[in-house]
Amino acid sequence: MDTALKLFYASGFNATGIDKILAEAGVAKMTLYKHFRSKEELILAVLNRRDEQFRNWLMGEMEKASPDPRERLLAMFDALESWFRGQAFKGLGFNGCAFINASSEFGDQQHPAHRTAAEHKQRIVDYLERLCREAGAADPHELAERLALLKEGAIVTAHVRGMPEAARTAKGIAADLIQAQIA
């Protein structure tokens, strides 16, 4: 699965064939199909692993930054910048967001990979909303959605335009939003 994640993340889900994954992983086709009945099943397993890996990393970075929920919200952007600079996930670098990539490759919103991507994004919003509530935001849901939008915009800008500093710009805007919502 680690090899599949690396290849899907670097080259795309549709562009990466099973034979390439098997060759790089040094695994026989029979072994792969004992665990996954199809490439789609492998993709879903990889996305679920990436969801857990990414959320554990992001939330861990935010929580170790400060016990203050406001500071944790802002620390998200510091963590993002380290990811954008290829410093967060050993061997993966930064090739955009696996979930944004999956949702664009599997554009039908009912496709399991698209739904898995949407669920990942919602879990992040839920976490942000909890922090916004803990910080005393007037409207925790609205603030969480706005911060998530800044996060997603920073990810796309860093990837598409090669601007890892987009995280710092987003952090400045986030600080203003937080200040306006939290007395």
Protein backbone atom coordinates (compact mmCIF):
# COMPACT_ATOMS: atom_id res chain seq x y z
CA MET A 1 0.00 0.00 0.00
CA ASP A 2 2.87 2.38 0.68
CA THR A 3 4.16 1.85 -2.84
CA ALA A 4 0.69 2.35 -4.30
CA LEU A 5 0.26 5.57 -2.31
CA LYS A 6 3.62 6.90 -3.48
CA LEU A 7 2.87 6.09 -7.13
CA PHE A 8 -0.76 7.26 -7.11
CA TYR A 9 0.29 10.47 -5.38
CA ALA A 10 3.12 11.19 -7.79
CA SER A 11 1.52 10.07 -11.07
CA GLY A 12 -2.22 9.89 -10.54
CA PHE A 13 -4.69 7.14 -9.82
CA ASN A 14 -5.74 6.45 -13.38
CA ALA A 15 -2.26 6.84 -14.88
CA THR A 16 -0.68 4.35 -12.49
CA GLY A 17 -1.15 0.76 -13.54
CA ILE A 18 -1.22 -2.28 -11.31
CA ASP A 19 1.83 -3.72 -13.08
CA LYS A 20 3.91 -0.65 -12.14
CA ILE A 21 2.83 -0.92 -8.50
CA LEU A 22 3.66 -4.64 -8.44
CA ALA A 23 7.07 -4.08 -10.05
CA GLU A 24 8.04 -1.32 -7.61
CA ALA A 25 6.70 -3.17 -4.57
CA GLY A 26 8.21 -6.49 -5.61
CA VAL A 27 4.88 -8.22 -5.05
CA ALA A 28 3.23 -10.90 -7.17
CA LYS A 29 -0.13 -10.19 -8.76
CA MET A 30 -1.69 -13.11 -6.84
CA THR A 31 -0.56 -11.58 -3.56
CA LEU A 32 -2.10 -8.24 -4.44
CA TYR A 33 -5.40 -9.81 -5.45
CA LYS A 34 -5.53 -11.82 -2.19
CA HIS A 35 -5.85 -8.48 -0.41
CA PHE A 36 -7.67 -6.36 -3.00
CA ARG A 37 -10.18 -7.65 -5.53
CA SER A 38 -9.65 -4.72 -7.89
CA LYS A 39 -7.60 -1.60 -8.52
CA GLU A 40 -10.55 0.43 -7.24
CA GLU A 41 -10.46 -1.45 -3.94
CA LEU A 42 -6.72 -0.73 -3.69
CA ILE A 43 -7.35 2.96 -4.42
CA LEU A 44 -9.95 3.15 -1.66
CA ALA A 45 -7.63 1.41 0.80
CA VAL A 46 -4.83 3.82 -0.11
CA LEU A 47 -7.12 6.83 0.33
CA ASN A 48 -8.28 5.55 3.71
CA ARG A 49 -4.69 5.05 4.83
CA ARG A 50 -3.75 8.52 3.58
CA ASP A 51 -6.73 10.00 5.42
CA GLU A 52 -5.57 8.50 8.69
CA GLN A 53 -1.93 9.38 8.05
CA PHE A 54 -2.67 12.97 7.04
CA ARG A 55 -5.15 13.72 9.82
CA ASN A 56 -2.86 12.23 12.47
CA TRP A 57 0.00 14.34 11.17
CA LEU A 58 -1.95 17.59 10.83
CA MET A 59 -3.77 17.34 14.15
CA GLY A 60 -0.56 16.28 15.87
CA GLU A 61 1.29 19.31 14.48
CA MET A 62 -1.53 21.62 15.52
CA GLU A 63 -1.82 20.16 19.02
CA LYS A 64 1.88 20.23 19.78
CA ALA A 65 2.06 23.89 18.70
CA SER A 66 0.01 25.15 21.63
CA PRO A 67 -2.63 24.23 24.19
CA ASP A 68 -4.60 27.33 23.07
CA PRO A 69 -7.23 26.38 20.43
CA ARG A 70 -6.77 29.74 18.64
CA GLU A 71 -3.06 29.12 18.30
CA ARG A 72 -3.75 25.57 17.12
CA LEU A 73 -5.99 26.90 14.36
CA LEU A 74 -3.20 29.17 13.15
CA ALA A 75 -0.60 26.42 13.54
CA MET A 76 -2.44 24.51 10.82
CA PHE A 77 -0.94 26.90 8.28
CA ASP A 78 2.59 26.44 9.64
CA ALA A 79 2.15 22.69 9.28
CA LEU A 80 0.83 23.13 5.76
CA GLU A 81 3.87 25.15 4.76
CA SER A 82 6.21 22.41 5.95
CA TRP A 83 4.17 19.93 3.88
CA PHE A 84 4.27 22.24 0.84
CA ARG A 85 8.05 22.39 1.17
CA GLY A 86 8.23 18.57 1.13
CA GLN A 87 9.26 18.28 4.79
CA ALA A 88 6.24 16.52 6.27
CA PHE A 89 6.00 13.05 4.74
CA LYS A 90 9.25 11.19 4.19
CA GLY A 91 9.56 9.93 0.63
CA LEU A 92 6.35 11.55 -0.65
CA GLY A 93 7.31 15.18 -1.10
CA PHE A 94 4.46 17.46 -2.08
CA ASN A 95 2.30 16.67 -5.09
CA GLY A 96 -0.81 18.52 -4.02
CA CYS A 97 -3.54 16.88 -2.00
CA ALA A 98 -4.28 13.20 -2.68
CA PHE A 99 -7.95 13.90 -1.98
CA ILE A 100 -8.22 16.89 -4.29
CA ASN A 101 -6.41 14.81 -6.91
CA ALA A 102 -8.77 11.85 -6.38
CA SER A 103 -11.88 14.00 -6.55
CA SER A 104 -10.74 15.48 -9.85
CA GLU A 105 -9.82 12.11 -11.35
CA PHE A 106 -13.07 10.57 -10.16
CA GLY A 107 -15.39 13.50 -10.87
CA ASP A 108 -18.68 11.68 -10.32
CA GLN A 109 -19.64 12.65 -6.77
CA GLN A 110 -21.11 9.18 -6.26
CA HIS A 111 -17.86 7.40 -7.15
CA PRO A 112 -16.44 5.73 -4.02
CA ALA A 113 -13.06 7.49 -4.40
CA HIS A 114 -14.77 10.87 -4.70
CA ARG A 115 -16.92 10.13 -1.65
CA THR A 116 -13.84 9.04 0.31
CA ALA A 117 -12.15 12.33 -0.59
CA ALA A 118 -15.21 14.31 0.50
CA GLU A 119 -15.36 12.40 3.79
CA HIS A 120 -11.71 13.23 4.47
CA LYS A 121 -12.34 16.92 3.88
CA GLN A 122 -15.40 16.84 6.16
CA ARG A 123 -13.39 15.22 8.95
CA ILE A 124 -10.93 18.11 8.79
CA VAL A 125 -13.79 20.64 8.94
CA ASP A 126 -15.28 18.79 11.92
CA TYR A 127 -11.94 18.99 13.74
CA LEU A 128 -11.61 22.70 12.94
CA GLU A 129 -15.16 23.30 14.14
CA ARG A 130 -14.36 21.61 17.45
CA LEU A 131 -11.33 23.89 17.88
CA CYS A 132 -13.38 26.94 16.92
CA ARG A 133 -15.98 25.99 19.52
CA GLU A 134 -13.25 25.49 22.17
CA ALA A 135 -11.80 28.89 21.25
CA GLY A 136 -15.18 30.55 21.82
CA ALA A 137 -16.05 31.46 18.22
CA ALA A 138 -19.41 33.18 17.78
CA ASP A 139 -20.24 30.79 14.93
CA PRO A 140 -17.87 27.80 15.10
CA HIS A 141 -19.28 26.14 11.97
CA GLU A 142 -18.92 29.25 9.81
CA LEU A 143 -15.40 29.95 11.04
CA ALA A 144 -14.36 26.32 10.49
CA GLU A 145 -15.71 26.39 6.93
CA ARG A 146 -13.84 29.63 6.20
CA LEU A 147 -10.59 28.28 7.62
CA ALA A 148 -11.05 25.08 5.60
CA LEU A 149 -11.56 27.17 2.48
CA LEU A 150 -8.32 29.04 3.18
CA LYS A 151 -6.56 25.72 3.76
CA GLU A 152 -7.82 24.27 0.48
CA GLY A 153 -6.93 27.43 -1.42
CA ALA A 154 -3.43 27.38 0.02
CA ILE A 155 -3.00 23.72 -0.98
CA VAL A 156 -4.09 24.36 -4.56
CA THR A 157 -2.01 27.53 -4.85
CA ALA A 158 1.08 25.81 -3.47
CA HIS A 159 0.64 22.91 -5.87
CA VAL A 160 -0.53 24.60 -9.06
CA ARG A 161 1.58 27.73 -8.80
CA GLY A 162 4.55 26.33 -6.87
CA MET A 163 4.05 28.76 -4.01
CA PRO A 164 4.65 27.11 -0.62
CA GLU A 165 4.43 30.55 0.96
CA ALA A 166 0.67 30.50 0.21
CA ALA A 167 0.33 28.95 3.67
CA ARG A 168 1.74 32.12 5.28
CA THR A 169 -0.62 34.33 3.31
CA ALA A 170 -3.57 32.14 4.30
CA LYS A 171 -2.41 32.27 7.93
CA GLY A 172 -2.58 36.07 7.91
CA ILE A 173 -6.14 36.00 6.57
CA ALA A 174 -7.04 33.28 9.09
CA ALA A 175 -5.72 35.40 11.96
CA ASP A 176 -8.04 38.23 10.90
CA LEU A 177 -11.02 35.84 10.68
CA ILE A 178 -10.29 34.37 14.08
CA GLN A 179 -9.87 37.81 15.63
CA ALA A 180 -13.23 38.92 14.21
CA GLN A 181 -15.07 35.80 15.45
CA ILE A 182 -13.49 35.27 18.86
CA ALA A 183 -13.82 37.98 21.48
